[in-house]
Amino acid sequence: MSHINPTGEQFKEFSSQKDDGPFVMINLLKFKKEADGSSKPGVKAYNRYMENVAHFLDEAGGRLLWLGDVDDVFIGTSRDGWDRVMLVEYPSRKAFLDMISRPEYLKVHEDREAGLETSALLAGKTVV
């Protein structure tokens, strides 16, 4: 099953949480692949999304903390086959929700949807 966008229940749950400052969105990404197993079309579409979403992120007060490709699984299984991991910090849930609700962002988001086979986004707070 593909997970590109939140379900209505997930959106409601995220929106209802206490908005008490900065959080990090951990993005686990798996790109669409060609018949030969290459992920070029998916990566190209997602990279376009990254280029075009940068100013929305900046305007929202967010920042990219880390972006990298997965090359091995040390603990766990490779069944999910994540291709890339990205950590993005946002100043608040409201800032994030405002950003992703903008019509201009939704247009750019089409490249994210075009590039991903599936994803998992995990919202986390700094503990230490």
C-alpha atoms as a PDB file:
ATOM      1  CA  MET A   1       0.000   0.000   0.000  1.00  0.00           C
ATOM      2  CA  SER A   2       1.272   3.451  -0.920  1.00  0.00           C
ATOM      3  CA  HIS A   3       1.474   6.196   1.690  1.00  0.00           C
ATOM      4  CA  ILE A   4       2.050   9.551   0.007  1.00  0.00           C
ATOM      5  CA  ASN A   5      -0.456  11.769   1.831  1.00  0.00           C
ATOM      6  CA  PRO A   6      -1.909  11.581   5.338  1.00  0.00           C
ATOM      7  CA  THR A   7      -5.278  10.001   5.867  1.00  0.00           C
ATOM      8  CA  GLY A   8      -8.049  12.248   7.150  1.00  0.00           C
ATOM      9  CA  GLU A   9      -7.632  10.682  10.574  1.00  0.00           C
ATOM     10  CA  GLN A  10      -3.850  11.263  10.579  1.00  0.00           C
ATOM     11  CA  PHE A  11      -4.319  14.901   9.507  1.00  0.00           C
ATOM     12  CA  LYS A  12      -6.915  15.438  12.236  1.00  0.00           C
ATOM     13  CA  GLU A  13      -4.698  13.824  14.886  1.00  0.00           C
ATOM     14  CA  PHE A  14      -1.627  15.844  13.863  1.00  0.00           C
ATOM     15  CA  SER A  15      -3.640  19.086  13.763  1.00  0.00           C
ATOM     16  CA  SER A  16      -5.154  18.479  17.186  1.00  0.00           C
ATOM     17  CA  GLN A  17      -1.838  18.018  18.985  1.00  0.00           C
ATOM     18  CA  LYS A  18      -0.573  20.786  21.255  1.00  0.00           C
ATOM     19  CA  ASP A  19       1.419  23.269  19.166  1.00  0.00           C
ATOM     20  CA  ASP A  20       4.226  23.964  21.593  1.00  0.00           C
ATOM     21  CA  GLY A  21       7.082  24.973  19.374  1.00  0.00           C
ATOM     22  CA  PRO A  22       9.644  23.445  17.059  1.00  0.00           C
ATOM     23  CA  PHE A  23       9.513  19.867  15.872  1.00  0.00           C
ATOM     24  CA  VAL A  24      11.378  17.744  13.346  1.00  0.00           C
ATOM     25  CA  MET A  25       9.626  15.903  10.533  1.00  0.00           C
ATOM     26  CA  ILE A  26      11.503  12.693   9.747  1.00  0.00           C
ATOM     27  CA  ASN A  27      10.830  11.748   6.112  1.00  0.00           C
ATOM     28  CA  LEU A  28      11.397   8.151   4.975  1.00  0.00           C
ATOM     29  CA  LEU A  29      11.153   8.092   1.194  1.00  0.00           C
ATOM     30  CA  LYS A  30      10.908   5.348  -1.415  1.00  0.00           C
ATOM     31  CA  PHE A  31      10.992   6.450  -5.042  1.00  0.00           C
ATOM     32  CA  LYS A  32       9.004   5.099  -7.963  1.00  0.00           C
ATOM     33  CA  LYS A  33      11.125   2.799 -10.101  1.00  0.00           C
ATOM     34  CA  GLU A  34      11.322   1.909 -13.786  1.00  0.00           C
ATOM     35  CA  ALA A  35      10.796  -1.668 -14.992  1.00  0.00           C
ATOM     36  CA  ASP A  36      14.597  -2.154 -14.872  1.00  0.00           C
ATOM     37  CA  GLY A  37      14.644  -1.233 -11.168  1.00  0.00           C
ATOM     38  CA  SER A  38      16.195   2.222 -11.587  1.00  0.00           C
ATOM     39  CA  SER A  39      14.534   5.053  -9.690  1.00  0.00           C
ATOM     40  CA  LYS A  40      15.495   7.840 -12.093  1.00  0.00           C
ATOM     41  CA  PRO A  41      11.988   9.130 -12.898  1.00  0.00           C
ATOM     42  CA  GLY A  42      10.994   9.101  -9.234  1.00  0.00           C
ATOM     43  CA  VAL A  43      14.191  10.758  -8.095  1.00  0.00           C
ATOM     44  CA  LYS A  44      13.953  13.384 -10.846  1.00  0.00           C
ATOM     45  CA  ALA A  45      10.384  14.321  -9.908  1.00  0.00           C
ATOM     46  CA  TYR A  46      11.221  14.399  -6.196  1.00  0.00           C
ATOM     47  CA  ASN A  47      14.341  16.513  -6.777  1.00  0.00           C
ATOM     48  CA  ARG A  48      12.159  18.981  -8.707  1.00  0.00           C
ATOM     49  CA  TYR A  49       9.868  19.102  -5.681  1.00  0.00           C
ATOM     50  CA  MET A  50      12.862  19.785  -3.415  1.00  0.00           C
ATOM     51  CA  GLU A  51      14.041  22.664  -5.608  1.00  0.00           C
ATOM     52  CA  ASN A  52      10.584  24.243  -5.765  1.00  0.00           C
ATOM     53  CA  VAL A  53       9.594  23.731  -2.129  1.00  0.00           C
ATOM     54  CA  ALA A  54      12.690  25.467  -0.722  1.00  0.00           C
ATOM     55  CA  HIS A  55      11.181  28.955  -0.643  1.00  0.00           C
ATOM     56  CA  PHE A  56       7.964  27.673   0.986  1.00  0.00           C
ATOM     57  CA  LEU A  57      10.067  26.046   3.684  1.00  0.00           C
ATOM     58  CA  ASP A  58      12.042  29.258   4.160  1.00  0.00           C
ATOM     59  CA  GLU A  59       8.873  31.361   4.373  1.00  0.00           C
ATOM     60  CA  ALA A  60       7.446  28.967   6.976  1.00  0.00           C
ATOM     61  CA  GLY A  61      10.576  29.346   9.108  1.00  0.00           C
ATOM     62  CA  GLY A  62      11.600  25.742   8.503  1.00  0.00           C
ATOM     63  CA  ARG A  63      15.009  24.383   7.669  1.00  0.00           C
ATOM     64  CA  LEU A  64      16.496  21.251   6.186  1.00  0.00           C
ATOM     65  CA  LEU A  65      18.649  19.597   8.856  1.00  0.00           C
ATOM     66  CA  TRP A  66      19.857  16.530   6.960  1.00  0.00           C
ATOM     67  CA  LEU A  67      19.253  14.749   3.676  1.00  0.00           C
ATOM     68  CA  GLY A  68      20.858  11.494   2.633  1.00  0.00           C
ATOM     69  CA  ASP A  69      20.434   8.355   0.577  1.00  0.00           C
ATOM     70  CA  VAL A  70      20.099   5.003   2.342  1.00  0.00           C
ATOM     71  CA  ASP A  71      22.830   2.562   1.305  1.00  0.00           C
ATOM     72  CA  ASP A  72      22.495  -0.231   3.862  1.00  0.00           C
ATOM     73  CA  VAL A  73      20.342  -1.639   6.678  1.00  0.00           C
ATOM     74  CA  PHE A  74      22.332  -2.355   9.822  1.00  0.00           C
ATOM     75  CA  ILE A  75      19.451  -3.210  12.176  1.00  0.00           C
ATOM     76  CA  GLY A  76      16.002  -4.141  10.966  1.00  0.00           C
ATOM     77  CA  THR A  77      14.911  -5.458   7.608  1.00  0.00           C
ATOM     78  CA  SER A  78      15.176  -4.081   4.127  1.00  0.00           C
ATOM     79  CA  ARG A  79      11.518  -4.885   3.396  1.00  0.00           C
ATOM     80  CA  ASP A  80      10.516  -1.215   3.288  1.00  0.00           C
ATOM     81  CA  GLY A  81      13.479  -0.375   1.085  1.00  0.00           C
ATOM     82  CA  TRP A  82      13.735   3.315   1.945  1.00  0.00           C
ATOM     83  CA  ASP A  83      15.816   5.196  -0.618  1.00  0.00           C
ATOM     84  CA  ARG A  84      16.284   8.496   1.189  1.00  0.00           C
ATOM     85  CA  VAL A  85      15.883  10.020   4.640  1.00  0.00           C
ATOM     86  CA  MET A  86      15.324  13.701   5.297  1.00  0.00           C
ATOM     87  CA  LEU A  87      15.062  15.641   8.563  1.00  0.00           C
ATOM     88  CA  VAL A  88      13.254  18.987   8.402  1.00  0.00           C
ATOM     89  CA  GLU A  89      12.734  21.286  11.381  1.00  0.00           C
ATOM     90  CA  TYR A  90       9.626  23.482  11.579  1.00  0.00           C
ATOM     91  CA  PRO A  91       9.006  26.231  14.138  1.00  0.00           C
ATOM     92  CA  SER A  92       5.533  24.864  14.937  1.00  0.00           C
ATOM     93  CA  ARG A  93       2.767  22.566  13.736  1.00  0.00           C
ATOM     94  CA  LYS A  94       0.813  25.656  12.691  1.00  0.00           C
ATOM     95  CA  ALA A  95       3.682  26.855  10.464  1.00  0.00           C
ATOM     96  CA  PHE A  96       3.879  23.409   8.844  1.00  0.00           C
ATOM     97  CA  LEU A  97       0.113  23.153   8.323  1.00  0.00           C
ATOM     98  CA  ASP A  98      -0.071  26.698   6.935  1.00  0.00           C
ATOM     99  CA  MET A  99       2.718  25.866   4.473  1.00  0.00           C
ATOM    100  CA  ILE A 100       1.185  22.643   3.173  1.00  0.00           C
ATOM    101  CA  SER A 101      -2.262  24.238   2.852  1.00  0.00           C
ATOM    102  CA  ARG A 102      -1.184  26.964   0.441  1.00  0.00           C
ATOM    103  CA  PRO A 103      -2.509  26.474  -3.127  1.00  0.00           C
ATOM    104  CA  GLU A 104       0.956  27.311  -4.513  1.00  0.00           C
ATOM    105  CA  TYR A 105       2.509  24.591  -2.363  1.00  0.00           C
ATOM    106  CA  LEU A 106      -0.111  22.066  -3.454  1.00  0.00           C
ATOM    107  CA  LYS A 107       0.926  22.646  -7.073  1.00  0.00           C
ATOM    108  CA  VAL A 108       4.600  21.965  -6.219  1.00  0.00           C
ATOM    109  CA  HIS A 109       3.514  18.935  -4.156  1.00  0.00           C
ATOM    110  CA  GLU A 110       2.434  17.230  -7.396  1.00  0.00           C
ATOM    111  CA  ASP A 111       6.114  16.427  -8.081  1.00  0.00           C
ATOM    112  CA  ARG A 112       6.395  14.809  -4.636  1.00  0.00           C
ATOM    113  CA  GLU A 113       3.414  12.608  -5.428  1.00  0.00           C
ATOM    114  CA  ALA A 114       4.790  11.831  -8.897  1.00  0.00           C
ATOM    115  CA  GLY A 115       8.163  10.781  -7.508  1.00  0.00           C
ATOM    116  CA  LEU A 116       7.259   8.643  -4.508  1.00  0.00           C
ATOM    117  CA  GLU A 117       6.133   5.055  -4.388  1.00  0.00           C
ATOM    118  CA  THR A 118       5.563   5.387  -0.648  1.00  0.00           C
ATOM    119  CA  SER A 119       6.745   7.368   2.350  1.00  0.00           C
ATOM    120  CA  ALA A 120       6.502   7.684   6.108  1.00  0.00           C
ATOM    121  CA  LEU A 121       6.608  11.036   7.878  1.00  0.00           C
ATOM    122  CA  LEU A 122       7.261  10.977  11.599  1.00  0.00           C
ATOM    123  CA  ALA A 123       6.865  14.134  13.692  1.00  0.00           C
ATOM    124  CA  GLY A 124       9.282  14.260  16.599  1.00  0.00           C
ATOM    125  CA  LYS A 125      10.352  16.557  19.419  1.00  0.00           C
ATOM    126  CA  THR A 126      13.895  16.948  20.677  1.00  0.00           C
ATOM    127  CA  VAL A 127      14.398  15.096  23.946  1.00  0.00           C
ATOM    128  CA  VAL A 128      18.023  15.889  24.714  1.00  0.00           C
END
